[in-house]
Amino acid sequence: MRLLAAKLALAPLLVWQGARVRRTALRLPEAAGPREGSVGEDDLQLRLLIVGDSSGAGVGAAHQDEALAGRLATALAQRLGGRVEWQLLATTGHTTRDALDGMQHAGLRPADVLVTALGVNDAVGQVAPRRWLEQLSAIDALARERAGVRFTLHSAVPPMHEFPLLPQPLRWLLGAQARRLNVALAADLGPGRAMQALPAELQGERAAELMAPDGFHPNPAGYALWAETLAERLASELRAC
């Protein structure tokens, strides 16, 4: 109720700030390079599907090798001691609903693990947590049905209250909505699904050092830290299976 009251009271300012950010923000391209590939040698250890928005697409990095997908596949291959095949489905501006629609028309390769990097645009659009969870569940179900996924790791919505691009109070509002989504997700997880928060470095004093020039996406060092955190969690989960 307090958040709703604040949104209503601040509505004119928030609308103005949102329009100004969209008009003046530095627009960086998605990372170049293939959206699927193979990393590592020897026997196949894992098939990975990554579904995301602009952060999944690697905005803030020059090439997929230094973005989330390439870094995550490499980190997993090192931990699992073999080859990792990966496929990336990610588009700048996509909400979770958009990502689901895109998956329904995409050619999905067989995969063992699904990783999602979604929620920022849902927070911007003030999507209700319940609806967001329904859409994530639909993505999970579709990946299991069409790609054979057996484990899903949802990356937490990043700490939008620390994004340098966003002015106050818009930064506070979007940070609060991101936290609402994360709290709902943590309470909703079932068998074969887990949530992974971003590394502490992306949320603390070093956050600005790990952001791209647009103040909204990770830079290559930020993507590397994020990928290592996800890989460590996934490797632990897979060893326990």
C-alpha atoms as a PDB file:
ATOM      1  CA  MET A   1       0.000   0.000   0.000  1.00  0.00           C
ATOM      2  CA  ARG A   2       2.830   2.413   0.813  1.00  0.00           C
ATOM      3  CA  LEU A   3       4.424   1.761  -2.577  1.00  0.00           C
ATOM      4  CA  LEU A   4       1.124   2.317  -4.370  1.00  0.00           C
ATOM      5  CA  ALA A   5       0.510   5.542  -2.459  1.00  0.00           C
ATOM      6  CA  ALA A   6       3.990   6.777  -3.328  1.00  0.00           C
ATOM      7  CA  LYS A   7       3.495   5.955  -7.018  1.00  0.00           C
ATOM      8  CA  LEU A   8       0.230   7.883  -7.098  1.00  0.00           C
ATOM      9  CA  ALA A   9       1.693  10.888  -5.304  1.00  0.00           C
ATOM     10  CA  LEU A  10       4.797  10.962  -7.509  1.00  0.00           C
ATOM     11  CA  ALA A  11       3.092   9.985 -10.767  1.00  0.00           C
ATOM     12  CA  PRO A  12       3.643  13.249 -12.714  1.00  0.00           C
ATOM     13  CA  LEU A  13       7.346  13.363 -11.784  1.00  0.00           C
ATOM     14  CA  LEU A  14       7.861   9.666 -12.487  1.00  0.00           C
ATOM     15  CA  VAL A  15       6.243   9.933 -15.918  1.00  0.00           C
ATOM     16  CA  TRP A  16       8.426  12.942 -16.758  1.00  0.00           C
ATOM     17  CA  GLN A  17      11.593  11.224 -15.556  1.00  0.00           C
ATOM     18  CA  GLY A  18      10.784   8.028 -17.450  1.00  0.00           C
ATOM     19  CA  ALA A  19      10.237   9.939 -20.688  1.00  0.00           C
ATOM     20  CA  ARG A  20      13.452  11.889 -20.209  1.00  0.00           C
ATOM     21  CA  VAL A  21      15.498   8.744 -19.549  1.00  0.00           C
ATOM     22  CA  ARG A  22      14.124   7.103 -22.689  1.00  0.00           C
ATOM     23  CA  ARG A  23      14.895  10.221 -24.717  1.00  0.00           C
ATOM     24  CA  THR A  24      18.427  10.859 -23.481  1.00  0.00           C
ATOM     25  CA  ALA A  25      19.806   7.408 -22.557  1.00  0.00           C
ATOM     26  CA  LEU A  26      22.882   6.145 -24.380  1.00  0.00           C
ATOM     27  CA  ARG A  27      21.748   3.255 -26.589  1.00  0.00           C
ATOM     28  CA  LEU A  28      24.315   0.490 -26.853  1.00  0.00           C
ATOM     29  CA  PRO A  29      24.038  -2.413 -29.324  1.00  0.00           C
ATOM     30  CA  GLU A  30      23.615  -6.065 -28.443  1.00  0.00           C
ATOM     31  CA  ALA A  31      26.834  -8.058 -28.367  1.00  0.00           C
ATOM     32  CA  ALA A  32      27.976  -9.283 -31.760  1.00  0.00           C
ATOM     33  CA  GLY A  33      28.623 -12.925 -32.547  1.00  0.00           C
ATOM     34  CA  PRO A  34      26.737 -16.205 -32.889  1.00  0.00           C
ATOM     35  CA  ARG A  35      23.753 -16.953 -30.655  1.00  0.00           C
ATOM     36  CA  GLU A  36      24.708 -20.606 -30.264  1.00  0.00           C
ATOM     37  CA  GLY A  37      27.900 -22.577 -30.039  1.00  0.00           C
ATOM     38  CA  SER A  38      30.073 -25.095 -28.229  1.00  0.00           C
ATOM     39  CA  VAL A  39      32.783 -24.503 -25.622  1.00  0.00           C
ATOM     40  CA  GLY A  40      35.333 -26.909 -24.202  1.00  0.00           C
ATOM     41  CA  GLU A  41      36.739 -30.240 -25.269  1.00  0.00           C
ATOM     42  CA  ASP A  42      36.172 -33.957 -24.697  1.00  0.00           C
ATOM     43  CA  ASP A  43      32.739 -35.392 -23.966  1.00  0.00           C
ATOM     44  CA  LEU A  44      29.548 -33.351 -23.923  1.00  0.00           C
ATOM     45  CA  GLN A  45      28.726 -32.445 -20.322  1.00  0.00           C
ATOM     46  CA  LEU A  46      25.848 -29.994 -20.624  1.00  0.00           C
ATOM     47  CA  ARG A  47      23.432 -28.381 -23.074  1.00  0.00           C
ATOM     48  CA  LEU A  48      22.470 -24.872 -22.022  1.00  0.00           C
ATOM     49  CA  LEU A  49      19.564 -22.628 -23.044  1.00  0.00           C
ATOM     50  CA  ILE A  50      19.667 -18.954 -22.043  1.00  0.00           C
ATOM     51  CA  VAL A  51      16.562 -16.775 -22.397  1.00  0.00           C
ATOM     52  CA  GLY A  52      16.764 -13.083 -21.653  1.00  0.00           C
ATOM     53  CA  ASP A  53      16.376  -9.403 -22.377  1.00  0.00           C
ATOM     54  CA  SER A  54      19.108  -6.889 -23.234  1.00  0.00           C
ATOM     55  CA  SER A  55      21.392  -8.171 -20.495  1.00  0.00           C
ATOM     56  CA  GLY A  56      20.994 -11.699 -21.866  1.00  0.00           C
ATOM     57  CA  ALA A  57      21.765 -10.303 -25.324  1.00  0.00           C
ATOM     58  CA  GLY A  58      24.997  -8.835 -23.995  1.00  0.00           C
ATOM     59  CA  VAL A  59      24.359  -5.098 -24.262  1.00  0.00           C
ATOM     60  CA  GLY A  60      27.451  -3.475 -22.773  1.00  0.00           C
ATOM     61  CA  ALA A  61      29.844  -6.062 -24.234  1.00  0.00           C
ATOM     62  CA  ALA A  62      31.309  -6.054 -27.737  1.00  0.00           C
ATOM     63  CA  HIS A  63      31.004  -9.793 -28.429  1.00  0.00           C
ATOM     64  CA  GLN A  64      29.100 -12.754 -27.032  1.00  0.00           C
ATOM     65  CA  ASP A  65      32.392 -14.255 -25.887  1.00  0.00           C
ATOM     66  CA  GLU A  66      32.608 -11.536 -23.212  1.00  0.00           C
ATOM     67  CA  ALA A  67      28.863 -11.303 -22.543  1.00  0.00           C
ATOM     68  CA  LEU A  68      26.713 -13.488 -20.286  1.00  0.00           C
ATOM     69  CA  ALA A  69      26.161 -16.420 -22.662  1.00  0.00           C
ATOM     70  CA  GLY A  70      29.773 -16.895 -23.710  1.00  0.00           C
ATOM     71  CA  ARG A  71      31.149 -16.351 -20.218  1.00  0.00           C
ATOM     72  CA  LEU A  72      28.631 -18.727 -18.644  1.00  0.00           C
ATOM     73  CA  ALA A  73      29.254 -21.513 -21.162  1.00  0.00           C
ATOM     74  CA  THR A  74      33.016 -21.194 -20.657  1.00  0.00           C
ATOM     75  CA  ALA A  75      32.736 -21.165 -16.869  1.00  0.00           C
ATOM     76  CA  LEU A  76      30.542 -24.267 -16.914  1.00  0.00           C
ATOM     77  CA  ALA A  77      32.870 -26.119 -19.278  1.00  0.00           C
ATOM     78  CA  GLN A  78      35.775 -25.434 -16.911  1.00  0.00           C
ATOM     79  CA  ARG A  79      33.851 -26.602 -13.861  1.00  0.00           C
ATOM     80  CA  LEU A  80      32.338 -29.689 -15.467  1.00  0.00           C
ATOM     81  CA  GLY A  81      35.504 -30.743 -17.284  1.00  0.00           C
ATOM     82  CA  GLY A  82      34.040 -31.170 -20.738  1.00  0.00           C
ATOM     83  CA  ARG A  83      32.099 -29.645 -23.576  1.00  0.00           C
ATOM     84  CA  VAL A  84      29.107 -27.326 -23.138  1.00  0.00           C
ATOM     85  CA  GLU A  85      26.730 -26.567 -25.994  1.00  0.00           C
ATOM     86  CA  TRP A  86      24.691 -23.383 -25.679  1.00  0.00           C
ATOM     87  CA  GLN A  87      21.862 -21.467 -27.323  1.00  0.00           C
ATOM     88  CA  LEU A  88      20.840 -17.882 -26.618  1.00  0.00           C
ATOM     89  CA  LEU A  89      17.384 -16.359 -27.131  1.00  0.00           C
ATOM     90  CA  ALA A  90      17.497 -12.731 -26.003  1.00  0.00           C
ATOM     91  CA  THR A  91      16.327  -9.377 -27.323  1.00  0.00           C
ATOM     92  CA  THR A  92      16.682  -5.816 -26.074  1.00  0.00           C
ATOM     93  CA  GLY A  93      13.451  -4.499 -24.592  1.00  0.00           C
ATOM     94  CA  HIS A  94      11.855  -7.902 -24.080  1.00  0.00           C
ATOM     95  CA  THR A  95       9.582  -8.431 -21.136  1.00  0.00           C
ATOM     96  CA  THR A  96       9.049 -11.952 -19.864  1.00  0.00           C
ATOM     97  CA  ARG A  97       5.840 -12.075 -21.950  1.00  0.00           C
ATOM     98  CA  ASP A  98       7.843 -11.109 -25.052  1.00  0.00           C
ATOM     99  CA  ALA A  99      10.451 -13.752 -24.299  1.00  0.00           C
ATOM    100  CA  LEU A 100       7.745 -16.392 -23.990  1.00  0.00           C
ATOM    101  CA  ASP A 101       6.226 -15.343 -27.315  1.00  0.00           C
ATOM    102  CA  GLY A 102       9.656 -15.495 -28.937  1.00  0.00           C
ATOM    103  CA  MET A 103      10.330 -18.985 -27.588  1.00  0.00           C
ATOM    104  CA  GLN A 104       7.067 -20.257 -29.035  1.00  0.00           C
ATOM    105  CA  HIS A 105       8.300 -19.403 -32.536  1.00  0.00           C
ATOM    106  CA  ALA A 106      11.994 -20.228 -32.109  1.00  0.00           C
ATOM    107  CA  GLY A 107      13.795 -23.385 -33.092  1.00  0.00           C
ATOM    108  CA  LEU A 108      14.873 -24.716 -29.720  1.00  0.00           C
ATOM    109  CA  ARG A 109      17.880 -27.004 -29.557  1.00  0.00           C
ATOM    110  CA  PRO A 110      17.892 -29.837 -26.991  1.00  0.00           C
ATOM    111  CA  ALA A 111      18.954 -28.510 -23.581  1.00  0.00           C
ATOM    112  CA  ASP A 112      19.500 -29.840 -20.085  1.00  0.00           C
ATOM    113  CA  VAL A 113      19.470 -26.514 -18.247  1.00  0.00           C
ATOM    114  CA  LEU A 114      17.543 -23.270 -18.721  1.00  0.00           C
ATOM    115  CA  VAL A 115      18.913 -19.958 -17.402  1.00  0.00           C
ATOM    116  CA  THR A 116      16.746 -16.847 -17.551  1.00  0.00           C
ATOM    117  CA  ALA A 117      17.854 -13.219 -17.351  1.00  0.00           C
ATOM    118  CA  LEU A 118      14.515 -11.431 -17.272  1.00  0.00           C
ATOM    119  CA  GLY A 119      12.573  -8.956 -15.169  1.00  0.00           C
ATOM    120  CA  VAL A 120      14.077  -5.509 -15.712  1.00  0.00           C
ATOM    121  CA  ASN A 121      11.544  -4.546 -18.362  1.00  0.00           C
ATOM    122  CA  ASP A 122       8.779  -6.091 -16.271  1.00  0.00           C
ATOM    123  CA  ALA A 123       9.835  -3.852 -13.389  1.00  0.00           C
ATOM    124  CA  VAL A 124       9.847  -0.840 -15.709  1.00  0.00           C
ATOM    125  CA  GLY A 125       6.364  -1.793 -16.904  1.00  0.00           C
ATOM    126  CA  GLN A 126       5.167  -2.377 -13.323  1.00  0.00           C
ATOM    127  CA  VAL A 127       4.059  -5.917 -14.149  1.00  0.00           C
ATOM    128  CA  ALA A 128       2.396  -7.533 -11.149  1.00  0.00           C
ATOM    129  CA  PRO A 129       4.532 -10.228  -9.467  1.00  0.00           C
ATOM    130  CA  ARG A 130       1.825 -12.861  -9.889  1.00  0.00           C
ATOM    131  CA  ARG A 131       1.623 -12.281 -13.638  1.00  0.00           C
ATOM    132  CA  TRP A 132       5.409 -12.287 -13.920  1.00  0.00           C
ATOM    133  CA  LEU A 133       5.617 -15.628 -12.121  1.00  0.00           C
ATOM    134  CA  GLU A 134       2.982 -17.102 -14.428  1.00  0.00           C
ATOM    135  CA  GLN A 135       5.019 -16.064 -17.455  1.00  0.00           C
ATOM    136  CA  LEU A 136       8.261 -17.446 -16.018  1.00  0.00           C
ATOM    137  CA  SER A 137       6.469 -20.722 -15.279  1.00  0.00           C
ATOM    138  CA  ALA A 138       5.223 -20.838 -18.865  1.00  0.00           C
ATOM    139  CA  ILE A 139       8.787 -20.336 -20.140  1.00  0.00           C
ATOM    140  CA  ASP A 140       9.981 -23.108 -17.856  1.00  0.00           C
ATOM    141  CA  ALA A 141       7.227 -25.474 -19.026  1.00  0.00           C
ATOM    142  CA  LEU A 142       7.874 -24.710 -22.696  1.00  0.00           C
ATOM    143  CA  ALA A 143      11.613 -25.317 -22.297  1.00  0.00           C
ATOM    144  CA  ARG A 144      10.951 -28.660 -20.622  1.00  0.00           C
ATOM    145  CA  GLU A 145       8.422 -29.724 -23.238  1.00  0.00           C
ATOM    146  CA  ARG A 146      10.248 -28.657 -26.383  1.00  0.00           C
ATOM    147  CA  ALA A 147      13.923 -28.746 -25.409  1.00  0.00           C
ATOM    148  CA  GLY A 148      13.979 -31.418 -22.694  1.00  0.00           C
ATOM    149  CA  VAL A 149      15.204 -29.075 -19.957  1.00  0.00           C
ATOM    150  CA  ARG A 150      15.405 -30.733 -16.550  1.00  0.00           C
ATOM    151  CA  PHE A 151      16.671 -27.869 -14.375  1.00  0.00           C
ATOM    152  CA  THR A 152      15.935 -24.124 -14.440  1.00  0.00           C
ATOM    153  CA  LEU A 153      17.899 -21.317 -12.813  1.00  0.00           C
ATOM    154  CA  HIS A 154      16.221 -17.904 -12.786  1.00  0.00           C
ATOM    155  CA  SER A 155      18.658 -15.053 -12.344  1.00  0.00           C
ATOM    156  CA  ALA A 156      17.314 -12.475  -9.914  1.00  0.00           C
ATOM    157  CA  VAL A 157      16.195  -9.101 -11.196  1.00  0.00           C
ATOM    158  CA  PRO A 158      19.214  -6.811 -10.771  1.00  0.00           C
ATOM    159  CA  PRO A 159      19.348  -4.071  -8.119  1.00  0.00           C
ATOM    160  CA  MET A 160      17.731  -1.299 -10.130  1.00  0.00           C
ATOM    161  CA  HIS A 161      17.957   1.042  -7.140  1.00  0.00           C
ATOM    162  CA  GLU A 162      21.707   1.229  -7.916  1.00  0.00           C
ATOM    163  CA  PHE A 163      21.512   1.862 -11.684  1.00  0.00           C
ATOM    164  CA  PRO A 164      23.448   5.115 -12.317  1.00  0.00           C
ATOM    165  CA  LEU A 165      21.270   6.016 -15.316  1.00  0.00           C
ATOM    166  CA  LEU A 166      18.100   6.381 -13.255  1.00  0.00           C
ATOM    167  CA  PRO A 167      17.332   9.616 -11.373  1.00  0.00           C
ATOM    168  CA  GLN A 168      15.583   9.683  -8.024  1.00  0.00           C
ATOM    169  CA  PRO A 169      12.789   8.957  -7.218  1.00  0.00           C
ATOM    170  CA  LEU A 170      12.454   6.800 -10.374  1.00  0.00           C
ATOM    171  CA  ARG A 171      15.466   4.778  -9.267  1.00  0.00           C
ATOM    172  CA  TRP A 172      13.853   4.102  -5.890  1.00  0.00           C
ATOM    173  CA  LEU A 173      10.540   3.071  -7.477  1.00  0.00           C
ATOM    174  CA  LEU A 174      12.069   0.635  -9.972  1.00  0.00           C
ATOM    175  CA  GLY A 175      14.356  -0.777  -7.292  1.00  0.00           C
ATOM    176  CA  ALA A 176      11.338  -1.411  -5.077  1.00  0.00           C
ATOM    177  CA  GLN A 177       9.500  -3.154  -7.909  1.00  0.00           C
ATOM    178  CA  ALA A 178      12.549  -5.296  -8.697  1.00  0.00           C
ATOM    179  CA  ARG A 179      12.690  -6.378  -5.054  1.00  0.00           C
ATOM    180  CA  ARG A 180       8.969  -7.250  -5.137  1.00  0.00           C
ATOM    181  CA  LEU A 181       9.549  -9.514  -8.125  1.00  0.00           C
ATOM    182  CA  ASN A 182      12.524 -11.209  -6.481  1.00  0.00           C
ATOM    183  CA  VAL A 183      10.659 -11.816  -3.211  1.00  0.00           C
ATOM    184  CA  ALA A 184       7.758 -13.364  -5.126  1.00  0.00           C
ATOM    185  CA  LEU A 185      10.075 -15.555  -7.179  1.00  0.00           C
ATOM    186  CA  ALA A 186      11.955 -16.830  -4.138  1.00  0.00           C
ATOM    187  CA  ALA A 187       8.657 -17.875  -2.551  1.00  0.00           C
ATOM    188  CA  ASP A 188       7.366 -19.593  -5.693  1.00  0.00           C
ATOM    189  CA  LEU A 189      10.179 -21.962  -6.654  1.00  0.00           C
ATOM    190  CA  GLY A 190       9.466 -25.680  -6.830  1.00  0.00           C
ATOM    191  CA  PRO A 191      11.386 -28.880  -7.683  1.00  0.00           C
ATOM    192  CA  GLY A 192      13.877 -28.458 -10.478  1.00  0.00           C
ATOM    193  CA  ARG A 193      13.837 -24.663 -10.237  1.00  0.00           C
ATOM    194  CA  ALA A 194      16.100 -22.277  -8.344  1.00  0.00           C
ATOM    195  CA  MET A 195      16.897 -18.590  -8.115  1.00  0.00           C
ATOM    196  CA  GLN A 196      20.320 -16.983  -8.130  1.00  0.00           C
ATOM    197  CA  ALA A 197      21.007 -13.468  -6.881  1.00  0.00           C
ATOM    198  CA  LEU A 198      23.575 -11.347  -8.626  1.00  0.00           C
ATOM    199  CA  PRO A 199      27.090 -11.276  -7.128  1.00  0.00           C
ATOM    200  CA  ALA A 200      27.617  -8.847  -4.298  1.00  0.00           C
ATOM    201  CA  GLU A 201      30.046  -6.772  -6.386  1.00  0.00           C
ATOM    202  CA  LEU A 202      27.198  -5.819  -8.744  1.00  0.00           C
ATOM    203  CA  GLN A 203      25.125  -4.585  -5.817  1.00  0.00           C
ATOM    204  CA  GLY A 204      27.619  -2.783  -3.593  1.00  0.00           C
ATOM    205  CA  GLU A 205      30.229  -0.061  -3.734  1.00  0.00           C
ATOM    206  CA  ARG A 206      31.868  -1.520  -6.842  1.00  0.00           C
ATOM    207  CA  ALA A 207      28.632  -1.578  -8.840  1.00  0.00           C
ATOM    208  CA  ALA A 208      29.463   1.566 -10.840  1.00  0.00           C
ATOM    209  CA  GLU A 209      32.833   0.090 -11.886  1.00  0.00           C
ATOM    210  CA  LEU A 210      31.082  -2.941 -13.354  1.00  0.00           C
ATOM    211  CA  MET A 211      28.474  -1.040 -15.362  1.00  0.00           C
ATOM    212  CA  ALA A 212      28.601  -0.191 -19.062  1.00  0.00           C
ATOM    213  CA  PRO A 213      28.765   3.490 -20.127  1.00  0.00           C
ATOM    214  CA  ASP A 214      24.969   3.586 -20.397  1.00  0.00           C
ATOM    215  CA  GLY A 215      24.637   3.150 -16.631  1.00  0.00           C
ATOM    216  CA  PHE A 216      22.060   0.404 -17.130  1.00  0.00           C
ATOM    217  CA  HIS A 217      23.889  -2.780 -18.217  1.00  0.00           C
ATOM    218  CA  PRO A 218      26.963  -4.698 -17.020  1.00  0.00           C
ATOM    219  CA  ASN A 219      30.289  -4.210 -18.728  1.00  0.00           C
ATOM    220  CA  PRO A 220      32.450  -7.249 -19.661  1.00  0.00           C
ATOM    221  CA  ALA A 221      33.868  -7.461 -16.127  1.00  0.00           C
ATOM    222  CA  GLY A 222      30.335  -7.351 -14.735  1.00  0.00           C
ATOM    223  CA  TYR A 223      29.189 -10.094 -17.078  1.00  0.00           C
ATOM    224  CA  ALA A 224      32.171 -12.237 -16.073  1.00  0.00           C
ATOM    225  CA  LEU A 225      31.301 -11.949 -12.371  1.00  0.00           C
ATOM    226  CA  TRP A 226      27.633 -12.674 -13.062  1.00  0.00           C
ATOM    227  CA  ALA A 227      28.481 -15.723 -15.172  1.00  0.00           C
ATOM    228  CA  GLU A 228      30.883 -17.131 -12.575  1.00  0.00           C
ATOM    229  CA  THR A 229      28.209 -16.829  -9.874  1.00  0.00           C
ATOM    230  CA  LEU A 230      25.618 -18.611 -12.031  1.00  0.00           C
ATOM    231  CA  ALA A 231      28.111 -21.305 -13.084  1.00  0.00           C
ATOM    232  CA  GLU A 232      29.085 -22.073  -9.507  1.00  0.00           C
ATOM    233  CA  ARG A 233      25.436 -22.484  -8.516  1.00  0.00           C
ATOM    234  CA  LEU A 234      24.639 -24.643 -11.546  1.00  0.00           C
ATOM    235  CA  ALA A 235      27.680 -26.869 -11.107  1.00  0.00           C
ATOM    236  CA  SER A 236      26.734 -27.417  -7.466  1.00  0.00           C
ATOM    237  CA  GLU A 237      23.141 -28.267  -8.387  1.00  0.00           C
ATOM    238  CA  LEU A 238      24.206 -30.663 -11.145  1.00  0.00           C
ATOM    239  CA  ARG A 239      26.669 -32.495  -8.914  1.00  0.00           C
ATOM    240  CA  ALA A 240      23.874 -33.020  -6.380  1.00  0.00           C
ATOM    241  CA  CYS A 241      21.551 -34.585  -8.960  1.00  0.00           C
END
